[in-house]
Amino acid sequence: MLVDFNNIHIPDEKLNLVVEESLNKVKKIHRRNRLRRITGGTIAAAAAVIVLTGICASNPVIAEQFTKLGEIFGLVENEQDYPGDYSSVSVPVP
């Protein structure tokens, strides 16, 4: 039996419809996955900032070692419950 592949009839409209539907599904899945990655990264970054701020608020000596965060805590150190110059009495942690 000899099959001639050049003479196979393919319904163009149905093929185009199936391809279009499949591409729309792929785009929808890609969009959903991208949104999940962005949301997950944003939540992780927010959680890290909250934890870091909590640690540094409870111990200003650690906050002094972070450059930008140390500057912020240096500006508000007189408004703390225990005001004072933390940078002169703090000891760097190895």
PDB file of N, CA and C in Angstrom:
ATOM      1  N   MET A   1       0.841  -1.166   0.000  1.00  0.00           N
ATOM      2  CA  MET A   1       0.000   0.000   0.000  1.00  0.00           C
ATOM      3  C   MET A   1       0.891   1.235   0.000  1.00  0.00           C
ATOM      4  N   LEU A   2       0.661   2.090  -0.931  1.00  0.00           N
ATOM      5  CA  LEU A   2       1.455   3.290  -1.100  1.00  0.00           C
ATOM      6  C   LEU A   2       0.593   4.506  -0.740  1.00  0.00           C
ATOM      7  N   VAL A   3       1.074   5.325   0.199  1.00  0.00           N
ATOM      8  CA  VAL A   3       0.319   6.506   0.640  1.00  0.00           C
ATOM      9  C   VAL A   3       1.006   7.740   0.086  1.00  0.00           C
ATOM     10  N   ASP A   4       0.212   8.575  -0.551  1.00  0.00           N
ATOM     11  CA  ASP A   4       0.735   9.830  -1.108  1.00  0.00           C
ATOM     12  C   ASP A   4       0.367  10.961  -0.136  1.00  0.00           C
ATOM     13  N   PHE A   5       1.347  11.483   0.586  1.00  0.00           N
ATOM     14  CA  PHE A   5       1.103  12.508   1.596  1.00  0.00           C
ATOM     15  C   PHE A   5       0.841  13.885   0.999  1.00  0.00           C
ATOM     16  N   ASN A   6       1.080  14.065  -0.255  1.00  0.00           N
ATOM     17  CA  ASN A   6       0.843  15.357  -0.892  1.00  0.00           C
ATOM     18  C   ASN A   6      -0.637  15.599  -1.192  1.00  0.00           C
ATOM     19  N   ASN A   7      -1.430  14.574  -1.153  1.00  0.00           N
ATOM     20  CA  ASN A   7      -2.840  14.710  -1.502  1.00  0.00           C
ATOM     21  C   ASN A   7      -3.778  14.543  -0.308  1.00  0.00           C
ATOM     22  N   ILE A   8      -3.302  14.787   0.909  1.00  0.00           N
ATOM     23  CA  ILE A   8      -4.155  14.665   2.097  1.00  0.00           C
ATOM     24  C   ILE A   8      -4.963  15.945   2.229  1.00  0.00           C
ATOM     25  N   HIS A   9      -6.258  15.801   2.400  1.00  0.00           N
ATOM     26  CA  HIS A   9      -7.144  16.952   2.535  1.00  0.00           C
ATOM     27  C   HIS A   9      -7.219  17.371   4.009  1.00  0.00           C
ATOM     28  N   ILE A  10      -6.888  18.627   4.270  1.00  0.00           N
ATOM     29  CA  ILE A  10      -6.964  19.183   5.620  1.00  0.00           C
ATOM     30  C   ILE A  10      -7.957  20.332   5.595  1.00  0.00           C
ATOM     31  N   PRO A  11      -8.989  20.288   6.431  1.00  0.00           N
ATOM     32  CA  PRO A  11      -9.948  21.400   6.477  1.00  0.00           C
ATOM     33  C   PRO A  11      -9.289  22.618   7.137  1.00  0.00           C
ATOM     34  N   ASP A  12      -9.061  23.651   6.329  1.00  0.00           N
ATOM     35  CA  ASP A  12      -8.320  24.823   6.794  1.00  0.00           C
ATOM     36  C   ASP A  12      -9.029  25.573   7.913  1.00  0.00           C
ATOM     37  N   GLU A  13     -10.323  25.745   7.802  1.00  0.00           N
ATOM     38  CA  GLU A  13     -11.053  26.508   8.814  1.00  0.00           C
ATOM     39  C   GLU A  13     -11.008  25.827  10.178  1.00  0.00           C
ATOM     40  N   LYS A  14     -11.224  24.532  10.187  1.00  0.00           N
ATOM     41  CA  LYS A  14     -11.209  23.802  11.460  1.00  0.00           C
ATOM     42  C   LYS A  14      -9.802  23.791  12.060  1.00  0.00           C
ATOM     43  N   LEU A  15      -8.788  23.620  11.228  1.00  0.00           N
ATOM     44  CA  LEU A  15      -7.404  23.633  11.693  1.00  0.00           C
ATOM     45  C   LEU A  15      -7.056  24.996  12.293  1.00  0.00           C
ATOM     46  N   ASN A  16      -7.427  26.060  11.609  1.00  0.00           N
ATOM     47  CA  ASN A  16      -7.141  27.400  12.112  1.00  0.00           C
ATOM     48  C   ASN A  16      -7.863  27.664  13.436  1.00  0.00           C
ATOM     49  N   LEU A  17      -9.086  27.170  13.563  1.00  0.00           N
ATOM     50  CA  LEU A  17      -9.849  27.344  14.792  1.00  0.00           C
ATOM     51  C   LEU A  17      -9.195  26.603  15.954  1.00  0.00           C
ATOM     52  N   VAL A  18      -8.769  25.382  15.715  1.00  0.00           N
ATOM     53  CA  VAL A  18      -8.129  24.588  16.772  1.00  0.00           C
ATOM     54  C   VAL A  18      -6.808  25.230  17.187  1.00  0.00           C
ATOM     55  N   VAL A  19      -6.019  25.697  16.233  1.00  0.00           N
ATOM     56  CA  VAL A  19      -4.741  26.337  16.543  1.00  0.00           C
ATOM     57  C   VAL A  19      -4.971  27.620  17.338  1.00  0.00           C
ATOM     58  N   GLU A  20      -5.956  28.410  16.948  1.00  0.00           N
ATOM     59  CA  GLU A  20      -6.252  29.657  17.646  1.00  0.00           C
ATOM     60  C   GLU A  20      -6.708  29.402  19.088  1.00  0.00           C
ATOM     61  N   GLU A  21      -7.566  28.412  19.287  1.00  0.00           N
ATOM     62  CA  GLU A  21      -8.013  28.069  20.634  1.00  0.00           C
ATOM     63  C   GLU A  21      -6.848  27.595  21.499  1.00  0.00           C
ATOM     64  N   SER A  22      -5.977  26.799  20.922  1.00  0.00           N
ATOM     65  CA  SER A  22      -4.824  26.301  21.677  1.00  0.00           C
ATOM     66  C   SER A  22      -3.881  27.435  22.056  1.00  0.00           C
ATOM     67  N   LEU A  23      -3.644  28.344  21.143  1.00  0.00           N
ATOM     68  CA  LEU A  23      -2.782  29.487  21.451  1.00  0.00           C
ATOM     69  C   LEU A  23      -3.393  30.383  22.523  1.00  0.00           C
ATOM     70  N   ASN A  24      -4.704  30.555  22.496  1.00  0.00           N
ATOM     71  CA  ASN A  24      -5.360  31.346  23.534  1.00  0.00           C
ATOM     72  C   ASN A  24      -5.223  30.688  24.904  1.00  0.00           C
ATOM     73  N   LYS A  25      -5.324  29.364  24.972  1.00  0.00           N
ATOM     74  CA  LYS A  25      -5.141  28.652  26.235  1.00  0.00           C
ATOM     75  C   LYS A  25      -3.718  28.813  26.751  1.00  0.00           C
ATOM     76  N   VAL A  26      -2.746  28.710  25.853  1.00  0.00           N
ATOM     77  CA  VAL A  26      -1.343  28.861  26.246  1.00  0.00           C
ATOM     78  C   VAL A  26      -1.082  30.276  26.763  1.00  0.00           C
ATOM     79  N   LYS A  27      -1.639  31.282  26.099  1.00  0.00           N
ATOM     80  CA  LYS A  27      -1.457  32.668  26.553  1.00  0.00           C
ATOM     81  C   LYS A  27      -2.087  32.881  27.922  1.00  0.00           C
ATOM     82  N   LYS A  28      -3.247  32.294  28.155  1.00  0.00           N
ATOM     83  CA  LYS A  28      -3.930  32.433  29.436  1.00  0.00           C
ATOM     84  C   LYS A  28      -3.115  31.782  30.553  1.00  0.00           C
ATOM     85  N   ILE A  29      -2.571  30.599  30.296  1.00  0.00           N
ATOM     86  CA  ILE A  29      -1.746  29.906  31.291  1.00  0.00           C
ATOM     87  C   ILE A  29      -0.476  30.701  31.568  1.00  0.00           C
ATOM     88  N   HIS A  30       0.156  31.220  30.526  1.00  0.00           N
ATOM     89  CA  HIS A  30       1.378  32.014  30.692  1.00  0.00           C
ATOM     90  C   HIS A  30       1.097  33.271  31.513  1.00  0.00           C
ATOM     91  N   ARG A  31       0.000  33.945  31.231  1.00  0.00           N
ATOM     92  CA  ARG A  31      -0.375  35.158  31.950  1.00  0.00           C
ATOM     93  C   ARG A  31      -0.606  34.837  33.434  1.00  0.00           C
ATOM     94  N   ARG A  32      -1.285  33.731  33.723  1.00  0.00           N
ATOM     95  CA  ARG A  32      -1.560  33.325  35.097  1.00  0.00           C
ATOM     96  C   ARG A  32      -0.262  33.006  35.836  1.00  0.00           C
ATOM     97  N   ASN A  33       0.646  32.281  35.183  1.00  0.00           N
ATOM     98  CA  ASN A  33       1.914  31.935  35.824  1.00  0.00           C
ATOM     99  C   ASN A  33       2.766  33.172  36.085  1.00  0.00           C
ATOM    100  N   ARG A  34       2.761  34.107  35.161  1.00  0.00           N
ATOM    101  CA  ARG A  34       3.532  35.340  35.332  1.00  0.00           C
ATOM    102  C   ARG A  34       2.970  36.146  36.504  1.00  0.00           C
ATOM    103  N   LEU A  35       1.652  36.219  36.619  1.00  0.00           N
ATOM    104  CA  LEU A  35       1.018  36.925  37.725  1.00  0.00           C
ATOM    105  C   LEU A  35       1.348  36.259  39.055  1.00  0.00           C
ATOM    106  N   ARG A  36       1.370  34.933  39.084  1.00  0.00           N
ATOM    107  CA  ARG A  36       1.727  34.216  40.315  1.00  0.00           C
ATOM    108  C   ARG A  36       3.163  34.502  40.725  1.00  0.00           C
ATOM    109  N   ARG A  37       4.086  34.523  39.760  1.00  0.00           N
ATOM    110  CA  ARG A  37       5.485  34.815  40.078  1.00  0.00           C
ATOM    111  C   ARG A  37       5.653  36.223  40.618  1.00  0.00           C
ATOM    112  N   ILE A  38       4.986  37.180  39.992  1.00  0.00           N
ATOM    113  CA  ILE A  38       5.093  38.572  40.434  1.00  0.00           C
ATOM    114  C   ILE A  38       4.498  38.723  41.832  1.00  0.00           C
ATOM    115  N   THR A  39       3.340  38.119  42.055  1.00  0.00           N
ATOM    116  CA  THR A  39       2.693  38.206  43.365  1.00  0.00           C
ATOM    117  C   THR A  39       3.538  37.526  44.438  1.00  0.00           C
ATOM    118  N   GLY A  40       4.068  36.362  44.128  1.00  0.00           N
ATOM    119  CA  GLY A  40       4.907  35.651  45.095  1.00  0.00           C
ATOM    120  C   GLY A  40       6.163  36.427  45.445  1.00  0.00           C
ATOM    121  N   GLY A  41       6.804  37.017  44.453  1.00  0.00           N
ATOM    122  CA  GLY A  41       8.001  37.816  44.703  1.00  0.00           C
ATOM    123  C   GLY A  41       7.701  39.048  45.522  1.00  0.00           C
ATOM    124  N   THR A  42       6.584  39.688  45.247  1.00  0.00           N
ATOM    125  CA  THR A  42       6.200  40.883  46.003  1.00  0.00           C
ATOM    126  C   THR A  42       5.896  40.531  47.450  1.00  0.00           C
ATOM    127  N   ILE A  43       5.192  39.436  47.673  1.00  0.00           N
ATOM    128  CA  ILE A  43       4.879  39.011  49.041  1.00  0.00           C
ATOM    129  C   ILE A  43       6.155  38.637  49.793  1.00  0.00           C
ATOM    130  N   ALA A  44       7.076  37.945  49.133  1.00  0.00           N
ATOM    131  CA  ALA A  44       8.336  37.564  49.776  1.00  0.00           C
ATOM    132  C   ALA A  44       9.166  38.799  50.133  1.00  0.00           C
ATOM    133  N   ALA A  45       9.220  39.776  49.237  1.00  0.00           N
ATOM    134  CA  ALA A  45       9.978  40.999  49.515  1.00  0.00           C
ATOM    135  C   ALA A  45       9.352  41.785  50.660  1.00  0.00           C
ATOM    136  N   ALA A  46       8.020  41.863  50.682  1.00  0.00           N
ATOM    137  CA  ALA A  46       7.338  42.573  51.768  1.00  0.00           C
ATOM    138  C   ALA A  46       7.572  41.878  53.104  1.00  0.00           C
ATOM    139  N   ALA A  47       7.525  40.558  53.108  1.00  0.00           N
ATOM    140  CA  ALA A  47       7.767  39.814  54.347  1.00  0.00           C
ATOM    141  C   ALA A  47       9.196  40.022  54.831  1.00  0.00           C
ATOM    142  N   ALA A  48      10.158  40.035  53.911  1.00  0.00           N
ATOM    143  CA  ALA A  48      11.553  40.256  54.291  1.00  0.00           C
ATOM    144  C   ALA A  48      11.740  41.649  54.880  1.00  0.00           C
ATOM    145  N   VAL A  49      11.101  42.644  54.295  1.00  0.00           N
ATOM    146  CA  VAL A  49      11.220  44.013  54.814  1.00  0.00           C
ATOM    147  C   VAL A  49      10.587  44.107  56.199  1.00  0.00           C
ATOM    148  N   ILE A  50       9.441  43.471  56.397  1.00  0.00           N
ATOM    149  CA  ILE A  50       8.773  43.507  57.696  1.00  0.00           C
ATOM    150  C   ILE A  50       9.625  42.831  58.766  1.00  0.00           C
ATOM    151  N   VAL A  51      10.185  41.674  58.450  1.00  0.00           N
ATOM    152  CA  VAL A  51      11.025  40.962  59.414  1.00  0.00           C
ATOM    153  C   VAL A  51      12.278  41.764  59.724  1.00  0.00           C
ATOM    154  N   LEU A  52      12.926  42.304  58.700  1.00  0.00           N
ATOM    155  CA  LEU A  52      14.142  43.085  58.907  1.00  0.00           C
ATOM    156  C   LEU A  52      13.853  44.334  59.728  1.00  0.00           C
ATOM    157  N   THR A  53      12.742  44.989  59.456  1.00  0.00           N
ATOM    158  CA  THR A  53      12.378  46.179  60.227  1.00  0.00           C
ATOM    159  C   THR A  53      12.080  45.811  61.677  1.00  0.00           C
ATOM    160  N   GLY A  54      11.403  44.708  61.886  1.00  0.00           N
ATOM    161  CA  GLY A  54      11.120  44.268  63.253  1.00  0.00           C
ATOM    162  C   GLY A  54      12.378  43.951  64.033  1.00  0.00           C
ATOM    163  N   ILE A  55      13.321  43.272  63.406  1.00  0.00           N
ATOM    164  CA  ILE A  55      14.585  42.949  64.072  1.00  0.00           C
ATOM    165  C   ILE A  55      15.366  44.214  64.379  1.00  0.00           C
ATOM    166  N   CYS A  56      15.428  45.111  63.422  1.00  0.00           N
ATOM    167  CA  CYS A  56      16.204  46.337  63.612  1.00  0.00           C
ATOM    168  C   CYS A  56      15.539  47.285  64.605  1.00  0.00           C
ATOM    169  N   ALA A  57      14.216  47.263  64.689  1.00  0.00           N
ATOM    170  CA  ALA A  57      13.536  48.111  65.665  1.00  0.00           C
ATOM    171  C   ALA A  57      13.770  47.599  67.080  1.00  0.00           C
ATOM    172  N   SER A  58      13.888  46.291  67.224  1.00  0.00           N
ATOM    173  CA  SER A  58      14.118  45.738  68.551  1.00  0.00           C
ATOM    174  C   SER A  58      15.587  45.836  68.962  1.00  0.00           C
ATOM    175  N   ASN A  59      16.494  45.928  68.010  1.00  0.00           N
ATOM    176  CA  ASN A  59      17.917  46.017  68.327  1.00  0.00           C
ATOM    177  C   ASN A  59      18.579  47.038  67.401  1.00  0.00           C
ATOM    178  N   PRO A  60      18.687  48.295  67.810  1.00  0.00           N
ATOM    179  CA  PRO A  60      19.247  49.344  66.950  1.00  0.00           C
ATOM    180  C   PRO A  60      20.716  49.134  66.597  1.00  0.00           C
ATOM    181  N   VAL A  61      21.442  48.323  67.368  1.00  0.00           N
ATOM    182  CA  VAL A  61      22.850  48.065  67.060  1.00  0.00           C
ATOM    183  C   VAL A  61      22.975  47.329  65.729  1.00  0.00           C
ATOM    184  N   ILE A  62      22.074  46.400  65.486  1.00  0.00           N
ATOM    185  CA  ILE A  62      22.074  45.687  64.212  1.00  0.00           C
ATOM    186  C   ILE A  62      21.676  46.637  63.093  1.00  0.00           C
ATOM    187  N   ALA A  63      20.744  47.529  63.367  1.00  0.00           N
ATOM    188  CA  ALA A  63      20.293  48.477  62.346  1.00  0.00           C
ATOM    189  C   ALA A  63      21.415  49.409  61.914  1.00  0.00           C
ATOM    190  N   GLU A  64      22.340  49.694  62.817  1.00  0.00           N
ATOM    191  CA  GLU A  64      23.437  50.608  62.498  1.00  0.00           C
ATOM    192  C   GLU A  64      24.359  50.021  61.425  1.00  0.00           C
ATOM    193  N   GLN A  65      24.426  48.700  61.327  1.00  0.00           N
ATOM    194  CA  GLN A  65      25.337  48.070  60.369  1.00  0.00           C
ATOM    195  C   GLN A  65      24.834  48.132  58.937  1.00  0.00           C
ATOM    196  N   PHE A  66      23.538  48.252  58.730  1.00  0.00           N
ATOM    197  CA  PHE A  66      22.996  48.406  57.385  1.00  0.00           C
ATOM    198  C   PHE A  66      23.085  49.881  57.024  1.00  0.00           C
ATOM    199  N   THR A  67      23.628  50.200  55.872  1.00  0.00           N
ATOM    200  CA  THR A  67      23.931  51.592  55.544  1.00  0.00           C
ATOM    201  C   THR A  67      22.686  52.467  55.502  1.00  0.00           C
ATOM    202  N   LYS A  68      21.777  52.204  54.608  1.00  0.00           N
ATOM    203  CA  LYS A  68      20.595  53.051  54.481  1.00  0.00           C
ATOM    204  C   LYS A  68      19.665  52.904  55.681  1.00  0.00           C
ATOM    205  N   LEU A  69      19.497  51.685  56.142  1.00  0.00           N
ATOM    206  CA  LEU A  69      18.640  51.449  57.296  1.00  0.00           C
ATOM    207  C   LEU A  69      19.238  52.078  58.544  1.00  0.00           C
ATOM    208  N   GLY A  70      20.567  52.037  58.661  1.00  0.00           N
ATOM    209  CA  GLY A  70      21.240  52.682  59.787  1.00  0.00           C
ATOM    210  C   GLY A  70      21.046  54.188  59.783  1.00  0.00           C
ATOM    211  N   GLU A  71      21.049  54.788  58.600  1.00  0.00           N
ATOM    212  CA  GLU A  71      20.798  56.227  58.504  1.00  0.00           C
ATOM    213  C   GLU A  71      19.381  56.559  58.952  1.00  0.00           C
ATOM    214  N   ILE A  72      18.416  55.735  58.562  1.00  0.00           N
ATOM    215  CA  ILE A  72      17.023  55.972  58.958  1.00  0.00           C
ATOM    216  C   ILE A  72      16.872  55.861  60.470  1.00  0.00           C
ATOM    217  N   PHE A  73      17.463  54.808  61.054  1.00  0.00           N
ATOM    218  CA  PHE A  73      17.374  54.657  62.501  1.00  0.00           C
ATOM    219  C   PHE A  73      18.178  55.737  63.217  1.00  0.00           C
ATOM    220  N   GLY A  74      19.237  56.240  62.593  1.00  0.00           N
ATOM    221  CA  GLY A  74      19.989  57.349  63.167  1.00  0.00           C
ATOM    222  C   GLY A  74      19.160  58.614  63.231  1.00  0.00           C
ATOM    223  N   LEU A  75      18.283  58.799  62.270  1.00  0.00           N
ATOM    224  CA  LEU A  75      17.425  59.980  62.263  1.00  0.00           C
ATOM    225  C   LEU A  75      16.336  59.912  63.332  1.00  0.00           C
ATOM    226  N   VAL A  76      15.869  58.724  63.633  1.00  0.00           N
ATOM    227  CA  VAL A  76      14.763  58.594  64.586  1.00  0.00           C
ATOM    228  C   VAL A  76      15.205  58.045  65.939  1.00  0.00           C
ATOM    229  N   GLU A  77      16.513  58.006  66.229  1.00  0.00           N
ATOM    230  CA  GLU A  77      16.953  57.410  67.485  1.00  0.00           C
ATOM    231  C   GLU A  77      16.539  58.240  68.699  1.00  0.00           C
ATOM    232  N   ASN A  78      16.305  59.538  68.549  1.00  0.00           N
ATOM    233  CA  ASN A  78      15.856  60.354  69.676  1.00  0.00           C
ATOM    234  C   ASN A  78      14.378  60.157  69.965  1.00  0.00           C
ATOM    235  N   GLU A  79      13.643  59.581  69.038  1.00  0.00           N
ATOM    236  CA  GLU A  79      12.222  59.343  69.227  1.00  0.00           C
ATOM    237  C   GLU A  79      11.942  57.941  69.773  1.00  0.00           C
ATOM    238  N   GLN A  80      12.974  57.157  70.035  1.00  0.00           N
ATOM    239  CA  GLN A  80      12.814  55.800  70.552  1.00  0.00           C
ATOM    240  C   GLN A  80      12.409  55.835  72.016  1.00  0.00           C
ATOM    241  N   ASP A  81      11.988  54.679  72.526  1.00  0.00           N
ATOM    242  CA  ASP A  81      11.651  54.568  73.948  1.00  0.00           C
ATOM    243  C   ASP A  81      12.878  54.820  74.817  1.00  0.00           C
ATOM    244  N   TYR A  82      14.029  54.419  74.330  1.00  0.00           N
ATOM    245  CA  TYR A  82      15.289  54.627  75.044  1.00  0.00           C
ATOM    246  C   TYR A  82      16.180  55.507  74.173  1.00  0.00           C
ATOM    247  N   PRO A  83      15.969  56.846  74.222  1.00  0.00           N
ATOM    248  CA  PRO A  83      16.737  57.730  73.344  1.00  0.00           C
ATOM    249  C   PRO A  83      18.213  57.743  73.732  1.00  0.00           C
ATOM    250  N   GLY A  84      19.037  58.008  72.753  1.00  0.00           N
ATOM    251  CA  GLY A  84      20.463  58.095  73.008  1.00  0.00           C
ATOM    252  C   GLY A  84      21.247  57.929  71.732  1.00  0.00           C
ATOM    253  N   ASP A  85      22.543  58.101  71.846  1.00  0.00           N
ATOM    254  CA  ASP A  85      23.436  57.973  70.703  1.00  0.00           C
ATOM    255  C   ASP A  85      23.921  56.529  70.648  1.00  0.00           C
ATOM    256  N   TYR A  86      23.229  55.698  69.901  1.00  0.00           N
ATOM    257  CA  TYR A  86      23.559  54.271  69.837  1.00  0.00           C
ATOM    258  C   TYR A  86      24.850  54.008  69.078  1.00  0.00           C
ATOM    259  N   SER A  87      25.210  54.907  68.179  1.00  0.00           N
ATOM    260  CA  SER A  87      26.392  54.646  67.361  1.00  0.00           C
ATOM    261  C   SER A  87      27.686  54.781  68.188  1.00  0.00           C
ATOM    262  N   SER A  88      27.687  55.566  69.241  1.00  0.00           N
ATOM    263  CA  SER A  88      28.913  55.734  70.033  1.00  0.00           C
ATOM    264  C   SER A  88      29.094  54.598  71.046  1.00  0.00           C
ATOM    265  N   VAL A  89      28.022  53.958  71.475  1.00  0.00           N
ATOM    266  CA  VAL A  89      28.135  52.899  72.472  1.00  0.00           C
ATOM    267  C   VAL A  89      27.987  51.513  71.866  1.00  0.00           C
ATOM    268  N   SER A  90      27.704  51.429  70.604  1.00  0.00           N
ATOM    269  CA  SER A  90      27.507  50.115  69.997  1.00  0.00           C
ATOM    270  C   SER A  90      28.841  49.488  69.643  1.00  0.00           C
ATOM    271  N   VAL A  91      28.861  48.172  69.668  1.00  0.00           N
ATOM    272  CA  VAL A  91      30.046  47.397  69.320  1.00  0.00           C
ATOM    273  C   VAL A  91      29.713  46.592  68.077  1.00  0.00           C
ATOM    274  N   PRO A  92      30.547  46.679  67.028  1.00  0.00           N
ATOM    275  CA  PRO A  92      30.252  45.906  65.810  1.00  0.00           C
ATOM    276  C   PRO A  92      30.240  44.401  66.089  1.00  0.00           C
ATOM    277  N   VAL A  93      29.280  43.749  65.531  1.00  0.00           N
ATOM    278  CA  VAL A  93      29.163  42.301  65.672  1.00  0.00           C
ATOM    279  C   VAL A  93      29.911  41.641  64.530  1.00  0.00           C
ATOM    280  N   PRO A  94      30.805  40.689  64.840  1.00  0.00           N
ATOM    281  CA  PRO A  94      31.560  40.051  63.726  1.00  0.00           C
ATOM    282  C   PRO A  94      30.689  39.182  62.864  1.00  0.00           C
TER     283      PRO A  94
END
